[in-house]
Each structure stands twice: as C-alpha cells, then as structure tokens.
Amino acid sequence: MTNQSRVIVKIKDRFKVDNNDLFIDAHMKDTIVEYLKSVNGLDSFKNFIETLEGLRNNLAHGNTSFTLKDVKKIYKINLKKFKKFVIDEDILQGTKLFDKKSTVDRLNDKWQ
C-alpha cells in the first residue's frame, strides 16, 4: 500500500488537470485524472503510512528516545487513524472500482 500511495501522489502532483505541457496524449491524461479523482484523501493516507514507517525504522535501528510505553501510545493513536482510513472511509475503494474496467476499455469509451 505504501508504494501504491506514493506513486499515485507523485502522478497526481505531476499531471495537474490544467497542465498543457504534458508528455502524454489527452486521452491518457483524462484516464489518469479520472483515477486520481477517485482516490480522495490519499495525501493524508500517504503521510500516515510514512509516519509509521519512520517510527518502525527508528525502533528497528535503535534511533529513538521513546520508551516502550510511548511507542505503544503512538501505535494506539495510529491504529485509530488506520481504522478511519481503511475501514471507515475505505480510502482505496476508488482504486478497486477503477480497476474493474481495463485502461483500454476506458480509453475506447472516451474515443467513441
């Protein structure tokens, strides 16, 4: 999930809806924009994942001054965020709906 969210955010930043200087054709841009619009709140989810990665890395390499009690508290807080993103909001739901139709089919629909 981490890699997927990073890639989507990078693409979202790179291909703005109003950008005229694209290295792809208009149909492909429309497909990318349609996909990115379906993933709301992705930046927050990416930041959440990166926070947990940083905490894990610091703990794994002994680079932290947190006590075990502090770490447990941080993970409990983030468990609530995880529930919000993944269970309550189902943040990647848009990607599931988008994947049901192939890219070629979506482009063909736009060309007709």
Protein backbone atom coordinates (compact mmCIF):
# COMPACT_ATOMS: atom_id res chain seq x y z
CA MET A 1 0.00 0.00 0.00
CA THR A 2 2.83 2.37 0.79
CA ASN A 3 4.35 2.16 -2.67
CA GLN A 4 0.97 2.45 -4.36
CA SER A 5 0.07 5.57 -2.40
CA ARG A 6 3.46 7.18 -3.10
CA VAL A 7 3.19 6.52 -6.82
CA ILE A 8 -0.35 7.88 -7.01
CA VAL A 9 0.61 11.07 -5.14
CA LYS A 10 3.64 11.59 -7.40
CA ILE A 11 1.48 11.16 -10.50
CA LYS A 12 -1.18 13.44 -9.04
CA ASP A 13 1.42 16.17 -8.49
CA ARG A 14 2.95 15.67 -11.93
CA PHE A 15 -0.22 15.68 -14.05
CA LYS A 16 -2.39 18.60 -12.98
CA VAL A 17 -5.76 18.86 -14.66
CA ASP A 18 -4.96 22.26 -16.14
CA ASN A 19 -1.41 21.42 -17.27
CA ASN A 20 -0.95 21.98 -21.01
CA ASP A 21 2.66 20.75 -21.16
CA LEU A 22 2.01 17.02 -20.93
CA PHE A 23 4.21 14.26 -22.28
CA ILE A 24 1.16 12.08 -22.85
CA ASP A 25 -1.85 12.41 -25.09
CA ALA A 26 -5.10 13.94 -23.88
CA HIS A 27 -6.94 10.61 -23.62
CA MET A 28 -4.30 9.12 -21.34
CA LYS A 29 -4.31 12.30 -19.25
CA ASP A 30 -8.09 12.03 -18.85
CA THR A 31 -7.73 8.44 -17.68
CA ILE A 32 -5.08 9.39 -15.12
CA VAL A 33 -7.11 12.35 -13.86
CA GLU A 34 -10.23 10.18 -13.57
CA TYR A 35 -8.27 7.68 -11.49
CA LEU A 36 -6.75 10.31 -9.23
CA LYS A 37 -10.10 11.94 -8.57
CA SER A 38 -11.38 8.59 -7.30
CA VAL A 39 -8.73 8.48 -4.56
CA ASN A 40 -9.70 11.26 -2.16
CA GLY A 41 -7.61 11.85 0.93
CA LEU A 42 -4.64 9.99 -0.47
CA ASP A 43 -2.11 12.60 0.70
CA SER A 44 -3.24 12.14 4.32
CA PHE A 45 -3.05 8.37 3.95
CA LYS A 46 0.46 8.62 2.48
CA ASN A 47 1.59 10.80 5.41
CA PHE A 48 0.07 8.31 7.85
CA ILE A 49 1.99 5.41 6.24
CA GLU A 50 5.25 7.40 6.18
CA THR A 51 4.86 8.29 9.89
CA LEU A 52 4.51 4.62 10.77
CA GLU A 53 7.45 3.69 8.54
CA GLY A 54 9.63 6.29 10.23
CA LEU A 55 8.66 5.07 13.68
CA ARG A 56 9.33 1.47 12.71
CA ASN A 57 12.71 2.33 11.20
CA ASN A 58 13.76 4.29 14.26
CA LEU A 59 12.73 1.46 16.55
CA ALA A 60 14.38 -1.22 14.41
CA HIS A 61 17.68 0.65 14.30
CA GLY A 62 17.63 1.97 17.87
CA ASN A 63 17.48 5.60 16.73
CA THR A 64 14.76 6.71 19.10
CA SER A 65 14.49 8.14 22.57
CA PHE A 66 10.92 6.87 23.00
CA THR A 67 10.19 4.49 25.82
CA LEU A 68 8.22 1.34 25.10
CA LYS A 69 5.22 2.99 26.77
CA ASP A 70 5.47 5.98 24.38
CA VAL A 71 5.69 3.68 21.37
CA LYS A 72 2.60 1.74 22.45
CA LYS A 73 0.72 5.05 22.86
CA ILE A 74 1.79 6.22 19.38
CA TYR A 75 0.72 2.93 17.82
CA LYS A 76 -2.68 3.06 19.57
CA ILE A 77 -3.27 6.55 18.18
CA ASN A 78 -2.26 5.40 14.71
CA LEU A 79 -4.44 2.32 14.99
CA LYS A 80 -7.42 4.69 15.24
CA LYS A 81 -6.19 6.53 12.14
CA PHE A 82 -5.79 3.20 10.33
CA LYS A 83 -9.37 2.26 11.23
CA LYS A 84 -10.56 5.63 9.92
CA PHE A 85 -8.66 5.35 6.61
CA VAL A 86 -9.03 1.68 5.82
CA ILE A 87 -12.24 0.53 7.49
CA ASP A 88 -14.47 3.59 7.89
CA GLU A 89 -13.50 5.51 4.74
CA ASP A 90 -12.12 2.59 2.69
CA ILE A 91 -9.62 5.01 1.16
CA LEU A 92 -8.58 2.67 -1.66
CA GLN A 93 -12.18 1.91 -2.65
CA GLY A 94 -11.85 4.19 -5.65
CA THR A 95 -8.94 2.14 -6.94
CA LYS A 96 -10.98 -1.05 -6.65
CA LEU A 97 -13.85 0.45 -8.65
CA PHE A 98 -11.44 1.86 -11.20
CA ASP A 99 -9.67 -1.48 -11.69
CA LYS A 100 -12.88 -3.29 -12.70
CA LYS A 101 -12.59 -1.76 -16.15
CA SER A 102 -9.39 -2.05 -18.12
CA THR A 103 -7.48 1.03 -19.22
CA VAL A 104 -8.02 0.10 -22.87
CA ASP A 105 -11.79 -0.14 -22.34
CA ARG A 106 -11.88 3.24 -20.56
CA LEU A 107 -9.92 4.87 -23.38
CA ASN A 108 -12.09 3.22 -26.03
CA ASP A 109 -15.19 4.59 -24.29
CA LYS A 110 -13.70 8.10 -24.46
CA TRP A 111 -12.79 7.74 -28.15
CA GLN A 112 -16.31 6.74 -29.20
